[in-house]
Amino acid sequence: MAILFDSDIDWETCLQFGTRQFFKEKKCIYQQGTMGEGFYYIQKGLVKVTTKTTNGKERLLNIAIPGQLLGIQAMDRKPHFTTATAVNDTVLYYFDCDHFQKLITYQPSLLHMVIKTVIHKMHILADKIYLDTLTPEQQLSVILMNICYEFKNYEVPLSQQDLTKCTGLTRITIYKILKQWKEDDIIEVHGKKIIIKNPDELKKIQGRVIS
C-alpha cells in the first residue's frame, strides 16, 4: 500500500479511539444531505464518493482507498454534500467529533493531515465541473492523480475491474486507455496495482496541471 504523506501517524494505535464498521459491497456509508457527526478512516476496501446534480444525476468525485480519510468535510456537524458508497467489502473506523479532540491530543500531526484532506477534497469538488467536460482518458488521468496526490509514491492499489465499478466507464474503455498508457510508458500494471511511471505525462493528458 502507498505511504501517507503524514507517515508519522501511528494509525494502528489511533484506531483504539474509533469504532470499527463493516460495509458490504454497494452499501451506502453516508448520504448527501444527512448530518455529519464525525469522519472515517479506511482500513480496507474501496469507497466511491459521488454527488448529485440539480437534475438528480449522480456524478463521481473521487475514489478513496485504504489509508485515506472520508467524510472529513462534515466535521462541523453540517450536512454531507457528497455520498460515500462501498465499492467492495470495506472496513472503516469511525471517529466522532469528541474522539477527534482526543486524537489530535494523542497525535498532533493528525490535525495537519485533516486540513490537507479538507483542502484537497474541496479542490476535487471544484474540479468536478471541469471533469464533466473531459474525455474518458482525461477523466481517468484526473482520478488517478487525485488518488496519488495524498501519497508519497505513485502506486495506486486499483485493478481494472475496480476502475470500471467506480468510474462508470466500460471495461473495454478502461482496458484500451491503460493499454495505450502502458505502450507510452506512462504506467505499469501489476495485478491489482497501477504504478504511475510518468506523472507529468499523465497530467499533460488532462490538458492542465491539477494542483
N, C-alpha and C. Protein backbone atom coordinates (compact mmCIF):
# COMPACT_ATOMS: atom_id res chain seq x y z
N MET A 1 0.84 -1.20 0.00
CA MET A 1 0.00 0.00 0.00
C MET A 1 0.88 1.24 0.00
N ALA A 2 0.44 2.28 -0.67
CA ALA A 2 1.19 3.53 -0.71
C ALA A 2 1.29 4.14 0.67
N ILE A 3 2.34 4.94 0.88
CA ILE A 3 2.58 5.52 2.20
C ILE A 3 1.96 6.90 2.28
N LEU A 4 1.29 7.21 3.36
CA LEU A 4 0.68 8.52 3.53
C LEU A 4 1.74 9.60 3.70
N PHE A 5 1.43 10.83 3.26
CA PHE A 5 2.33 11.93 3.48
C PHE A 5 2.64 12.08 4.98
N ASP A 6 1.60 11.99 5.81
CA ASP A 6 1.78 12.10 7.25
C ASP A 6 2.12 10.72 7.81
N SER A 7 3.28 10.20 7.42
CA SER A 7 3.63 8.83 7.75
C SER A 7 3.97 8.64 9.23
N ASP A 8 4.12 9.75 9.98
CA ASP A 8 4.44 9.62 11.40
C ASP A 8 3.20 9.31 12.23
N ILE A 9 2.03 9.32 11.61
CA ILE A 9 0.80 8.99 12.33
C ILE A 9 0.70 7.49 12.53
N ASP A 10 0.63 7.06 13.77
CA ASP A 10 0.52 5.64 14.11
C ASP A 10 -0.96 5.28 14.14
N TRP A 11 -1.50 4.95 12.97
CA TRP A 11 -2.93 4.68 12.87
C TRP A 11 -3.35 3.43 13.64
N GLU A 12 -2.48 2.45 13.69
CA GLU A 12 -2.84 1.24 14.43
C GLU A 12 -3.14 1.54 15.89
N THR A 13 -2.42 2.51 16.44
CA THR A 13 -2.68 2.93 17.82
C THR A 13 -3.90 3.83 17.89
N CYS A 14 -4.08 4.69 16.89
CA CYS A 14 -5.21 5.62 16.87
C CYS A 14 -6.56 4.89 16.78
N LEU A 15 -6.57 3.72 16.18
CA LEU A 15 -7.82 3.02 15.95
C LEU A 15 -8.57 2.69 17.25
N GLN A 16 -7.85 2.68 18.36
CA GLN A 16 -8.50 2.39 19.64
C GLN A 16 -9.54 3.46 19.99
N PHE A 17 -9.40 4.65 19.41
CA PHE A 17 -10.34 5.73 19.69
C PHE A 17 -11.56 5.69 18.76
N GLY A 18 -11.52 4.82 17.75
CA GLY A 18 -12.61 4.75 16.79
C GLY A 18 -13.47 3.51 16.96
N THR A 19 -14.52 3.44 16.17
CA THR A 19 -15.43 2.30 16.17
C THR A 19 -15.32 1.58 14.83
N ARG A 20 -14.99 0.29 14.88
CA ARG A 20 -14.83 -0.49 13.65
C ARG A 20 -16.19 -0.74 13.01
N GLN A 21 -16.29 -0.48 11.71
CA GLN A 21 -17.54 -0.69 10.99
C GLN A 21 -17.26 -1.44 9.69
N PHE A 22 -18.16 -2.34 9.34
CA PHE A 22 -18.02 -3.13 8.12
C PHE A 22 -19.17 -2.80 7.17
N PHE A 23 -18.83 -2.54 5.92
CA PHE A 23 -19.84 -2.24 4.90
C PHE A 23 -19.67 -3.20 3.73
N LYS A 24 -20.74 -3.87 3.38
CA LYS A 24 -20.69 -4.78 2.25
C LYS A 24 -20.68 -4.00 0.93
N GLU A 25 -20.32 -4.66 -0.13
CA GLU A 25 -20.28 -4.06 -1.46
C GLU A 25 -21.60 -3.36 -1.80
N LYS A 26 -21.51 -2.14 -2.31
CA LYS A 26 -22.63 -1.31 -2.74
C LYS A 26 -23.43 -0.71 -1.57
N LYS A 27 -22.97 -0.91 -0.35
CA LYS A 27 -23.67 -0.35 0.82
C LYS A 27 -23.30 1.12 0.99
N CYS A 28 -24.30 1.94 1.25
CA CYS A 28 -24.08 3.37 1.46
C CYS A 28 -23.48 3.61 2.85
N ILE A 29 -22.42 4.38 2.92
CA ILE A 29 -21.76 4.70 4.19
C ILE A 29 -22.37 5.96 4.78
N TYR A 30 -22.50 6.98 3.98
CA TYR A 30 -23.26 8.17 4.37
C TYR A 30 -23.82 8.78 3.09
N GLN A 31 -24.89 9.54 3.24
CA GLN A 31 -25.61 10.05 2.08
C GLN A 31 -25.63 11.56 2.06
N GLN A 32 -25.59 12.11 0.88
CA GLN A 32 -25.65 13.55 0.68
C GLN A 32 -26.91 14.12 1.36
N GLY A 33 -26.71 15.17 2.15
CA GLY A 33 -27.83 15.80 2.83
C GLY A 33 -28.02 15.36 4.26
N THR A 34 -27.42 14.21 4.66
CA THR A 34 -27.52 13.76 6.05
C THR A 34 -26.49 14.50 6.90
N MET A 35 -26.77 14.61 8.19
CA MET A 35 -25.93 15.38 9.09
C MET A 35 -24.62 14.65 9.39
N GLY A 36 -23.52 15.37 9.36
CA GLY A 36 -22.22 14.80 9.70
C GLY A 36 -21.93 14.94 11.18
N GLU A 37 -21.37 13.89 11.78
CA GLU A 37 -21.03 13.91 13.20
C GLU A 37 -19.60 13.43 13.45
N GLY A 38 -18.88 13.09 12.37
CA GLY A 38 -17.53 12.58 12.53
C GLY A 38 -16.93 12.22 11.18
N PHE A 39 -15.84 11.45 11.21
CA PHE A 39 -15.19 11.06 9.97
C PHE A 39 -14.77 9.59 10.04
N TYR A 40 -14.32 9.07 8.89
CA TYR A 40 -13.94 7.66 8.78
C TYR A 40 -12.49 7.53 8.33
N TYR A 41 -11.85 6.48 8.82
CA TYR A 41 -10.54 6.07 8.33
C TYR A 41 -10.72 4.75 7.60
N ILE A 42 -10.25 4.67 6.36
CA ILE A 42 -10.43 3.45 5.57
C ILE A 42 -9.28 2.49 5.85
N GLN A 43 -9.59 1.36 6.45
CA GLN A 43 -8.56 0.35 6.72
C GLN A 43 -8.46 -0.66 5.57
N LYS A 44 -9.60 -0.99 4.99
CA LYS A 44 -9.62 -1.99 3.92
C LYS A 44 -10.79 -1.70 2.98
N GLY A 45 -10.56 -1.91 1.67
CA GLY A 45 -11.64 -1.74 0.71
C GLY A 45 -11.51 -0.48 -0.13
N LEU A 46 -12.53 -0.22 -0.92
CA LEU A 46 -12.58 0.96 -1.78
C LEU A 46 -13.92 1.66 -1.59
N VAL A 47 -13.90 2.97 -1.65
CA VAL A 47 -15.12 3.76 -1.49
C VAL A 47 -15.20 4.79 -2.60
N LYS A 48 -16.34 4.85 -3.28
CA LYS A 48 -16.52 5.90 -4.28
C LYS A 48 -17.33 7.03 -3.67
N VAL A 49 -16.90 8.24 -3.96
CA VAL A 49 -17.54 9.44 -3.43
C VAL A 49 -18.23 10.15 -4.59
N THR A 50 -19.53 10.34 -4.46
CA THR A 50 -20.31 10.93 -5.54
C THR A 50 -21.14 12.11 -5.03
N THR A 51 -21.67 12.87 -5.95
CA THR A 51 -22.61 13.93 -5.61
C THR A 51 -23.71 13.93 -6.67
N LYS A 52 -24.85 14.51 -6.32
CA LYS A 52 -25.95 14.60 -7.27
C LYS A 52 -26.09 16.02 -7.77
N THR A 53 -26.30 16.14 -9.07
CA THR A 53 -26.50 17.44 -9.68
C THR A 53 -27.93 17.91 -9.41
N THR A 54 -28.25 19.12 -9.83
CA THR A 54 -29.59 19.66 -9.60
C THR A 54 -30.68 18.86 -10.31
N ASN A 55 -30.30 18.15 -11.38
CA ASN A 55 -31.29 17.32 -12.08
C ASN A 55 -31.32 15.88 -11.57
N GLY A 56 -30.58 15.65 -10.45
CA GLY A 56 -30.63 14.34 -9.82
C GLY A 56 -29.67 13.30 -10.36
N LYS A 57 -28.80 13.70 -11.28
CA LYS A 57 -27.86 12.75 -11.87
C LYS A 57 -26.64 12.59 -10.98
N GLU A 58 -26.20 11.34 -10.77
CA GLU A 58 -25.05 11.06 -9.92
C GLU A 58 -23.74 11.32 -10.67
N ARG A 59 -22.81 12.00 -9.99
CA ARG A 59 -21.52 12.30 -10.57
C ARG A 59 -20.41 11.79 -9.66
N LEU A 60 -19.43 11.09 -10.22
CA LEU A 60 -18.29 10.61 -9.44
C LEU A 60 -17.33 11.75 -9.15
N LEU A 61 -16.93 11.88 -7.88
CA LEU A 61 -15.96 12.90 -7.49
C LEU A 61 -14.59 12.31 -7.24
N ASN A 62 -14.57 11.17 -6.55
CA ASN A 62 -13.28 10.62 -6.17
C ASN A 62 -13.42 9.15 -5.80
N ILE A 63 -12.27 8.46 -5.77
CA ILE A 63 -12.19 7.09 -5.27
C ILE A 63 -11.29 7.11 -4.05
N ALA A 64 -11.78 6.71 -2.91
CA ALA A 64 -11.00 6.70 -1.67
C ALA A 64 -10.48 5.29 -1.42
N ILE A 65 -9.21 5.18 -1.03
CA ILE A 65 -8.55 3.90 -0.86
C ILE A 65 -8.02 3.76 0.57
N PRO A 66 -7.57 2.57 0.97
CA PRO A 66 -7.07 2.37 2.34
C PRO A 66 -6.00 3.39 2.73
N GLY A 67 -6.11 3.88 3.97
CA GLY A 67 -5.18 4.88 4.47
C GLY A 67 -5.69 6.29 4.36
N GLN A 68 -6.82 6.48 3.66
CA GLN A 68 -7.37 7.82 3.49
C GLN A 68 -8.51 8.08 4.47
N LEU A 69 -8.80 9.37 4.65
CA LEU A 69 -9.91 9.80 5.50
C LEU A 69 -11.13 10.08 4.63
N LEU A 70 -12.30 9.90 5.23
CA LEU A 70 -13.56 10.01 4.50
C LEU A 70 -14.57 10.79 5.33
N GLY A 71 -15.31 11.68 4.67
CA GLY A 71 -16.36 12.41 5.37
C GLY A 71 -15.86 13.52 6.25
N ILE A 72 -14.60 13.91 6.06
CA ILE A 72 -13.98 14.89 6.94
C ILE A 72 -14.60 16.28 6.80
N GLN A 73 -15.23 16.56 5.63
CA GLN A 73 -15.79 17.89 5.38
C GLN A 73 -16.98 18.19 6.27
N ALA A 74 -17.61 17.15 6.83
CA ALA A 74 -18.81 17.35 7.65
C ALA A 74 -18.51 17.35 9.14
N MET A 75 -17.23 17.56 9.49
CA MET A 75 -16.86 17.59 10.91
C MET A 75 -17.45 18.78 11.65
N ASP A 76 -17.97 19.76 10.89
CA ASP A 76 -18.58 20.92 11.52
C ASP A 76 -20.05 20.67 11.86
N ARG A 77 -20.44 19.38 11.81
CA ARG A 77 -21.81 18.96 12.13
C ARG A 77 -22.84 19.61 11.20
N LYS A 78 -22.45 19.73 9.94
CA LYS A 78 -23.36 20.19 8.91
C LYS A 78 -23.59 19.06 7.92
N PRO A 79 -24.61 19.17 7.06
CA PRO A 79 -24.94 18.06 6.15
C PRO A 79 -23.80 17.72 5.18
N HIS A 80 -23.66 16.43 4.90
CA HIS A 80 -22.71 15.98 3.89
C HIS A 80 -23.14 16.51 2.52
N PHE A 81 -22.19 16.96 1.71
CA PHE A 81 -22.54 17.37 0.36
C PHE A 81 -22.12 16.32 -0.66
N THR A 82 -21.75 15.14 -0.16
CA THR A 82 -21.44 14.01 -1.03
C THR A 82 -22.06 12.73 -0.45
N THR A 83 -22.05 11.69 -1.26
CA THR A 83 -22.48 10.35 -0.83
C THR A 83 -21.29 9.41 -0.97
N ALA A 84 -21.07 8.57 0.05
CA ALA A 84 -19.98 7.59 0.01
C ALA A 84 -20.57 6.19 -0.03
N THR A 85 -20.09 5.38 -0.98
CA THR A 85 -20.60 4.03 -1.18
C THR A 85 -19.45 3.05 -1.28
N ALA A 86 -19.56 1.92 -0.58
CA ALA A 86 -18.52 0.90 -0.64
C ALA A 86 -18.51 0.24 -2.02
N VAL A 87 -17.35 0.24 -2.67
CA VAL A 87 -17.22 -0.40 -3.98
C VAL A 87 -17.13 -1.92 -3.81
N ASN A 88 -16.44 -2.34 -2.77
CA ASN A 88 -16.37 -3.74 -2.39
C ASN A 88 -16.47 -3.83 -0.86
N ASP A 89 -16.36 -5.03 -0.30
CA ASP A 89 -16.45 -5.16 1.15
C ASP A 89 -15.37 -4.29 1.80
N THR A 90 -15.81 -3.42 2.70
CA THR A 90 -14.94 -2.36 3.22
C THR A 90 -14.96 -2.31 4.75
N VAL A 91 -13.78 -2.12 5.34
CA VAL A 91 -13.65 -1.96 6.79
C VAL A 91 -13.23 -0.52 7.08
N LEU A 92 -14.04 0.17 7.89
CA LEU A 92 -13.77 1.55 8.26
C LEU A 92 -13.69 1.67 9.78
N TYR A 93 -13.03 2.71 10.22
CA TYR A 93 -13.07 3.09 11.63
C TYR A 93 -13.69 4.48 11.71
N TYR A 94 -14.74 4.59 12.52
CA TYR A 94 -15.48 5.85 12.63
C TYR A 94 -15.03 6.60 13.89
N PHE A 95 -14.75 7.89 13.72
CA PHE A 95 -14.35 8.75 14.82
C PHE A 95 -15.33 9.92 14.92
N ASP A 96 -16.05 10.01 16.02
CA ASP A 96 -16.96 11.14 16.17
C ASP A 96 -16.18 12.38 16.58
N CYS A 97 -16.86 13.51 16.64
CA CYS A 97 -16.18 14.78 16.91
C CYS A 97 -15.47 14.79 18.26
N ASP A 98 -16.07 14.15 19.27
CA ASP A 98 -15.45 14.11 20.59
C ASP A 98 -14.17 13.29 20.56
N HIS A 99 -14.19 12.18 19.83
CA HIS A 99 -12.99 11.35 19.70
C HIS A 99 -11.88 12.09 18.95
N PHE A 100 -12.28 12.97 18.04
CA PHE A 100 -11.29 13.71 17.28
C PHE A 100 -10.45 14.60 18.19
N GLN A 101 -11.06 15.20 19.19
CA GLN A 101 -10.32 16.03 20.14
C GLN A 101 -9.26 15.22 20.87
N LYS A 102 -9.62 13.98 21.24
CA LYS A 102 -8.65 13.10 21.90
C LYS A 102 -7.53 12.71 20.94
N LEU A 103 -7.91 12.48 19.70
CA LEU A 103 -6.95 12.05 18.70
C LEU A 103 -5.86 13.09 18.44
N ILE A 104 -6.27 14.35 18.26
CA ILE A 104 -5.27 15.37 17.94
C ILE A 104 -4.38 15.66 19.15
N THR A 105 -4.86 15.37 20.36
CA THR A 105 -4.01 15.48 21.55
C THR A 105 -2.99 14.35 21.55
N TYR A 106 -3.44 13.18 21.14
CA TYR A 106 -2.59 11.99 21.11
C TYR A 106 -1.65 12.00 19.91
N GLN A 107 -2.15 12.49 18.78
CA GLN A 107 -1.37 12.55 17.53
C GLN A 107 -1.52 13.95 16.92
N PRO A 108 -0.76 14.95 17.40
CA PRO A 108 -0.90 16.33 16.91
C PRO A 108 -0.78 16.47 15.39
N SER A 109 0.02 15.63 14.74
CA SER A 109 0.21 15.74 13.29
C SER A 109 -1.06 15.37 12.52
N LEU A 110 -2.02 14.75 13.21
CA LEU A 110 -3.28 14.40 12.55
C LEU A 110 -4.03 15.64 12.10
N LEU A 111 -3.91 16.73 12.86
CA LEU A 111 -4.61 17.96 12.51
C LEU A 111 -4.13 18.48 11.16
N HIS A 112 -2.83 18.38 10.92
CA HIS A 112 -2.28 18.80 9.63
C HIS A 112 -2.83 17.93 8.51
N MET A 113 -2.93 16.64 8.74
CA MET A 113 -3.46 15.73 7.74
C MET A 113 -4.92 16.05 7.43
N VAL A 114 -5.70 16.35 8.47
CA VAL A 114 -7.11 16.69 8.29
C VAL A 114 -7.26 17.95 7.45
N ILE A 115 -6.45 18.96 7.74
CA ILE A 115 -6.52 20.22 7.00
C ILE A 115 -6.17 19.98 5.53
N LYS A 116 -5.12 19.20 5.28
CA LYS A 116 -4.74 18.89 3.90
C LYS A 116 -5.84 18.13 3.18
N THR A 117 -6.48 17.20 3.91
CA THR A 117 -7.54 16.41 3.31
C THR A 117 -8.72 17.29 2.91
N VAL A 118 -9.13 18.20 3.81
CA VAL A 118 -10.26 19.09 3.52
C VAL A 118 -9.96 19.96 2.30
N ILE A 119 -8.76 20.53 2.25
CA ILE A 119 -8.38 21.39 1.13
C ILE A 119 -8.40 20.59 -0.17
N HIS A 120 -7.85 19.37 -0.12
CA HIS A 120 -7.79 18.54 -1.32
C HIS A 120 -9.20 18.17 -1.80
N LYS A 121 -10.07 17.79 -0.87
CA LYS A 121 -11.43 17.40 -1.25
C LYS A 121 -12.20 18.58 -1.85
N MET A 122 -11.94 19.78 -1.34
CA MET A 122 -12.60 20.95 -1.90
C MET A 122 -12.10 21.22 -3.32
N HIS A 123 -10.81 20.96 -3.56
CA HIS A 123 -10.28 21.09 -4.92
C HIS A 123 -10.98 20.10 -5.85
N ILE A 124 -11.16 18.87 -5.36
CA ILE A 124 -11.82 17.85 -6.17
C ILE A 124 -13.24 18.28 -6.52
N LEU A 125 -13.96 18.81 -5.54
CA LEU A 125 -15.33 19.25 -5.78
C LEU A 125 -15.36 20.39 -6.79
N ALA A 126 -14.43 21.33 -6.63
CA ALA A 126 -14.38 22.46 -7.56
C ALA A 126 -14.02 22.00 -8.97
N ASP A 127 -13.19 20.99 -9.07
CA ASP A 127 -12.77 20.49 -10.38
C ASP A 127 -13.84 19.65 -11.06
N LYS A 128 -14.92 19.34 -10.35
CA LYS A 128 -15.93 18.44 -10.92
C LYS A 128 -16.57 19.04 -12.17
N ILE A 129 -16.81 20.33 -12.17
CA ILE A 129 -17.40 20.97 -13.35
C ILE A 129 -16.46 20.78 -14.54
N TYR A 130 -15.18 20.94 -14.27
CA TYR A 130 -14.17 20.74 -15.31
C TYR A 130 -14.15 19.28 -15.75
N LEU A 131 -14.25 18.35 -14.81
CA LEU A 131 -14.16 16.92 -15.10
C LEU A 131 -15.25 16.48 -16.06
N ASP A 132 -16.43 17.05 -15.93
CA ASP A 132 -17.55 16.66 -16.78
C ASP A 132 -17.33 16.97 -18.26
N THR A 133 -16.38 17.86 -18.54
CA THR A 133 -16.13 18.23 -19.93
C THR A 133 -15.04 17.38 -20.58
N LEU A 134 -14.45 16.47 -19.80
CA LEU A 134 -13.29 15.72 -20.28
C LEU A 134 -13.66 14.42 -21.00
N THR A 135 -12.71 13.95 -21.79
CA THR A 135 -12.85 12.65 -22.43
C THR A 135 -12.63 11.56 -21.38
N PRO A 136 -13.02 10.30 -21.66
CA PRO A 136 -12.77 9.21 -20.70
C PRO A 136 -11.30 9.11 -20.30
N GLU A 137 -10.38 9.29 -21.26
CA GLU A 137 -8.95 9.21 -20.94
C GLU A 137 -8.55 10.32 -19.97
N GLN A 138 -9.05 11.51 -20.19
CA GLN A 138 -8.73 12.63 -19.31
C GLN A 138 -9.35 12.43 -17.92
N GLN A 139 -10.59 11.94 -17.89
CA GLN A 139 -11.24 11.67 -16.61
C GLN A 139 -10.44 10.68 -15.78
N LEU A 140 -9.97 9.61 -16.44
CA LEU A 140 -9.23 8.58 -15.73
C LEU A 140 -7.90 9.13 -15.20
N SER A 141 -7.27 9.99 -15.97
CA SER A 141 -6.00 10.57 -15.53
C SER A 141 -6.21 11.47 -14.31
N VAL A 142 -7.30 12.23 -14.29
CA VAL A 142 -7.60 13.10 -13.15
C VAL A 142 -7.85 12.27 -11.90
N ILE A 143 -8.64 11.21 -12.04
CA ILE A 143 -8.97 10.35 -10.89
C ILE A 143 -7.72 9.71 -10.31
N LEU A 144 -6.85 9.18 -11.16
CA LEU A 144 -5.63 8.54 -10.67
C LEU A 144 -4.71 9.54 -9.98
N MET A 145 -4.59 10.75 -10.54
CA MET A 145 -3.73 11.75 -9.93
C MET A 145 -4.31 12.28 -8.63
N ASN A 146 -5.64 12.33 -8.52
CA ASN A 146 -6.26 12.72 -7.26
C ASN A 146 -5.90 11.75 -6.16
N ILE A 147 -5.87 10.45 -6.50
CA ILE A 147 -5.51 9.43 -5.52
C ILE A 147 -4.04 9.57 -5.14
N CYS A 148 -3.18 9.74 -6.14
CA CYS A 148 -1.74 9.84 -5.90
C CYS A 148 -1.37 11.08 -5.10
N TYR A 149 -2.18 12.12 -5.20
CA TYR A 149 -1.88 13.40 -4.55
C TYR A 149 -1.63 13.23 -3.06
N GLU A 150 -2.38 12.36 -2.40
CA GLU A 150 -2.30 12.22 -0.96
C GLU A 150 -1.22 11.23 -0.51
N PHE A 151 -0.43 10.70 -1.45
CA PHE A 151 0.55 9.69 -1.12
C PHE A 151 1.95 10.08 -1.60
N LYS A 152 2.96 9.50 -0.95
CA LYS A 152 4.34 9.81 -1.29
C LYS A 152 4.78 9.16 -2.59
N ASN A 153 4.22 8.02 -2.91
CA ASN A 153 4.62 7.36 -4.14
C ASN A 153 3.46 7.30 -5.11
N TYR A 154 3.69 6.68 -6.24
CA TYR A 154 2.69 6.66 -7.30
C TYR A 154 2.18 5.25 -7.57
N GLU A 155 1.95 4.51 -6.50
CA GLU A 155 1.35 3.19 -6.62
C GLU A 155 -0.13 3.30 -6.25
N VAL A 156 -0.98 2.94 -7.18
CA VAL A 156 -2.43 3.03 -6.97
C VAL A 156 -2.99 1.61 -6.85
N PRO A 157 -3.48 1.24 -5.66
CA PRO A 157 -3.96 -0.13 -5.46
C PRO A 157 -5.35 -0.37 -6.03
N LEU A 158 -5.48 -0.22 -7.35
CA LEU A 158 -6.76 -0.42 -8.03
C LEU A 158 -6.56 -1.34 -9.24
N SER A 159 -7.50 -2.23 -9.44
CA SER A 159 -7.48 -3.09 -10.63
C SER A 159 -8.35 -2.46 -11.71
N GLN A 160 -8.29 -3.01 -12.92
CA GLN A 160 -9.15 -2.53 -14.00
C GLN A 160 -10.62 -2.69 -13.62
N GLN A 161 -10.93 -3.79 -12.94
CA GLN A 161 -12.31 -4.02 -12.50
C GLN A 161 -12.75 -2.96 -11.50
N ASP A 162 -11.85 -2.59 -10.59
CA ASP A 162 -12.16 -1.55 -9.61
C ASP A 162 -12.47 -0.23 -10.32
N LEU A 163 -11.67 0.11 -11.31
CA LEU A 163 -11.87 1.36 -12.04
C LEU A 163 -13.19 1.35 -12.80
N THR A 164 -13.56 0.19 -13.33
CA THR A 164 -14.83 0.06 -14.04
C THR A 164 -16.00 0.30 -13.08
N LYS A 165 -15.93 -0.31 -11.89
CA LYS A 165 -17.00 -0.17 -10.90
C LYS A 165 -17.13 1.27 -10.43
N CYS A 166 -16.00 1.93 -10.24
CA CYS A 166 -16.01 3.27 -9.66
C CYS A 166 -16.36 4.37 -10.64
N THR A 167 -15.82 4.27 -11.84
CA THR A 167 -15.96 5.39 -12.78
C THR A 167 -17.20 5.33 -13.65
N GLY A 168 -17.74 4.13 -13.86
CA GLY A 168 -18.88 4.00 -14.76
C GLY A 168 -18.44 3.85 -16.21
N LEU A 169 -17.13 3.95 -16.46
CA LEU A 169 -16.61 3.69 -17.80
C LEU A 169 -16.65 2.19 -18.06
N THR A 170 -16.77 1.79 -19.31
CA THR A 170 -16.86 0.36 -19.61
C THR A 170 -15.50 -0.31 -19.43
N ARG A 171 -15.53 -1.64 -19.25
CA ARG A 171 -14.30 -2.40 -19.09
C ARG A 171 -13.41 -2.26 -20.32
N ILE A 172 -14.02 -2.25 -21.50
CA ILE A 172 -13.26 -2.12 -22.75
C ILE A 172 -12.57 -0.76 -22.82
N THR A 173 -13.30 0.30 -22.42
CA THR A 173 -12.72 1.65 -22.43
C THR A 173 -11.52 1.73 -21.50
N ILE A 174 -11.68 1.21 -20.27
CA ILE A 174 -10.59 1.21 -19.30
C ILE A 174 -9.39 0.43 -19.84
N TYR A 175 -9.67 -0.74 -20.41
CA TYR A 175 -8.61 -1.60 -20.95
C TYR A 175 -7.82 -0.88 -22.04
N LYS A 176 -8.53 -0.24 -22.97
CA LYS A 176 -7.88 0.43 -24.08
C LYS A 176 -7.01 1.60 -23.60
N ILE A 177 -7.54 2.35 -22.64
CA ILE A 177 -6.78 3.50 -22.13
C ILE A 177 -5.51 3.03 -21.42
N LEU A 178 -5.63 2.06 -20.53
CA LEU A 178 -4.47 1.57 -19.79
C LEU A 178 -3.46 0.90 -20.73
N LYS A 179 -3.95 0.21 -21.74
CA LYS A 179 -3.07 -0.43 -22.72
C LYS A 179 -2.23 0.62 -23.45
N GLN A 180 -2.89 1.70 -23.85
CA GLN A 180 -2.17 2.77 -24.54
C GLN A 180 -1.15 3.43 -23.63
N TRP A 181 -1.55 3.64 -22.36
CA TRP A 181 -0.62 4.26 -21.41
C TRP A 181 0.59 3.37 -21.15
N LYS A 182 0.37 2.05 -21.12
CA LYS A 182 1.49 1.13 -20.95
C LYS A 182 2.43 1.21 -22.14
N GLU A 183 1.87 1.27 -23.35
CA GLU A 183 2.69 1.37 -24.56
C GLU A 183 3.47 2.68 -24.59
N ASP A 184 2.88 3.73 -24.01
CA ASP A 184 3.54 5.04 -23.97
C ASP A 184 4.48 5.17 -22.77
N ASP A 185 4.62 4.09 -22.00
CA ASP A 185 5.50 4.04 -20.83
C ASP A 185 5.10 5.06 -19.75
N ILE A 186 3.79 5.31 -19.65
CA ILE A 186 3.28 6.21 -18.62
C ILE A 186 3.00 5.44 -17.33
N ILE A 187 2.54 4.20 -17.48
CA ILE A 187 2.18 3.38 -16.32
C ILE A 187 2.70 1.96 -16.50
N GLU A 188 2.66 1.21 -15.39
CA GLU A 188 2.83 -0.24 -15.40
C GLU A 188 1.66 -0.82 -14.63
N VAL A 189 1.21 -1.98 -15.02
CA VAL A 189 0.12 -2.65 -14.31
C VAL A 189 0.63 -3.98 -13.77
N HIS A 190 0.54 -4.13 -12.45
CA HIS A 190 0.97 -5.36 -11.80
C HIS A 190 -0.20 -5.90 -10.97
N GLY A 191 -0.95 -6.83 -11.54
CA GLY A 191 -2.09 -7.39 -10.82
C GLY A 191 -3.12 -6.33 -10.49
N LYS A 192 -3.36 -6.12 -9.20
CA LYS A 192 -4.33 -5.13 -8.75
C LYS A 192 -3.65 -3.82 -8.34
N LYS A 193 -2.62 -3.48 -9.05
CA LYS A 193 -1.88 -2.26 -8.73
C LYS A 193 -1.45 -1.57 -10.02
N ILE A 194 -1.64 -0.25 -10.06
CA ILE A 194 -1.20 0.58 -11.19
C ILE A 194 -0.07 1.47 -10.70
N ILE A 195 1.06 1.40 -11.35
CA ILE A 195 2.21 2.21 -10.98
C ILE A 195 2.37 3.34 -12.00
N ILE A 196 2.32 4.57 -11.51
CA ILE A 196 2.47 5.73 -12.37
C ILE A 196 3.96 5.99 -12.57
N LYS A 197 4.46 5.73 -13.77
CA LYS A 197 5.88 5.91 -14.06
C LYS A 197 6.19 7.33 -14.50
N ASN A 198 5.22 7.96 -15.16
CA ASN A 198 5.45 9.30 -15.69
C ASN A 198 4.26 10.20 -15.34
N PRO A 199 4.20 10.69 -14.08
CA PRO A 199 3.07 11.51 -13.67
C PRO A 199 2.93 12.81 -14.45
N ASP A 200 4.05 13.38 -14.88
CA ASP A 200 3.98 14.63 -15.66
C ASP A 200 3.24 14.41 -16.97
N GLU A 201 3.50 13.27 -17.61
CA GLU A 201 2.82 12.96 -18.86
C GLU A 201 1.34 12.71 -18.63
N LEU A 202 1.03 12.10 -17.48
CA LEU A 202 -0.37 11.85 -17.13
C LEU A 202 -1.11 13.16 -16.91
N LYS A 203 -0.43 14.12 -16.31
CA LYS A 203 -1.03 15.44 -16.10
C LYS A 203 -1.27 16.16 -17.43
N LYS A 204 -0.34 15.97 -18.37
CA LYS A 204 -0.49 16.62 -19.68
C LYS A 204 -1.74 16.14 -20.39
N ILE A 205 -2.11 14.88 -20.16
CA ILE A 205 -3.29 14.32 -20.79
C ILE A 205 -4.55 15.09 -20.38
N GLN A 206 -4.53 15.61 -19.17
CA GLN A 206 -5.69 16.33 -18.65
C GLN A 206 -5.89 17.67 -19.34
N GLY A 207 -4.84 18.19 -19.95
CA GLY A 207 -4.95 19.49 -20.60
C GLY A 207 -4.54 20.63 -19.70
N ARG A 208 -4.35 20.31 -18.41
CA ARG A 208 -3.85 21.29 -17.46
C ARG A 208 -3.32 20.53 -16.27
N VAL A 209 -2.53 21.16 -15.45
CA VAL A 209 -1.95 20.51 -14.27
C VAL A 209 -2.87 20.71 -13.08
N ILE A 210 -3.27 19.59 -12.44
CA ILE A 210 -4.08 19.68 -11.22
C ILE A 210 -3.17 19.97 -10.05
N SER A 211 -3.44 21.02 -9.28
CA SER A 211 -2.59 21.38 -8.16
C SER A 211 -3.25 20.99 -6.85
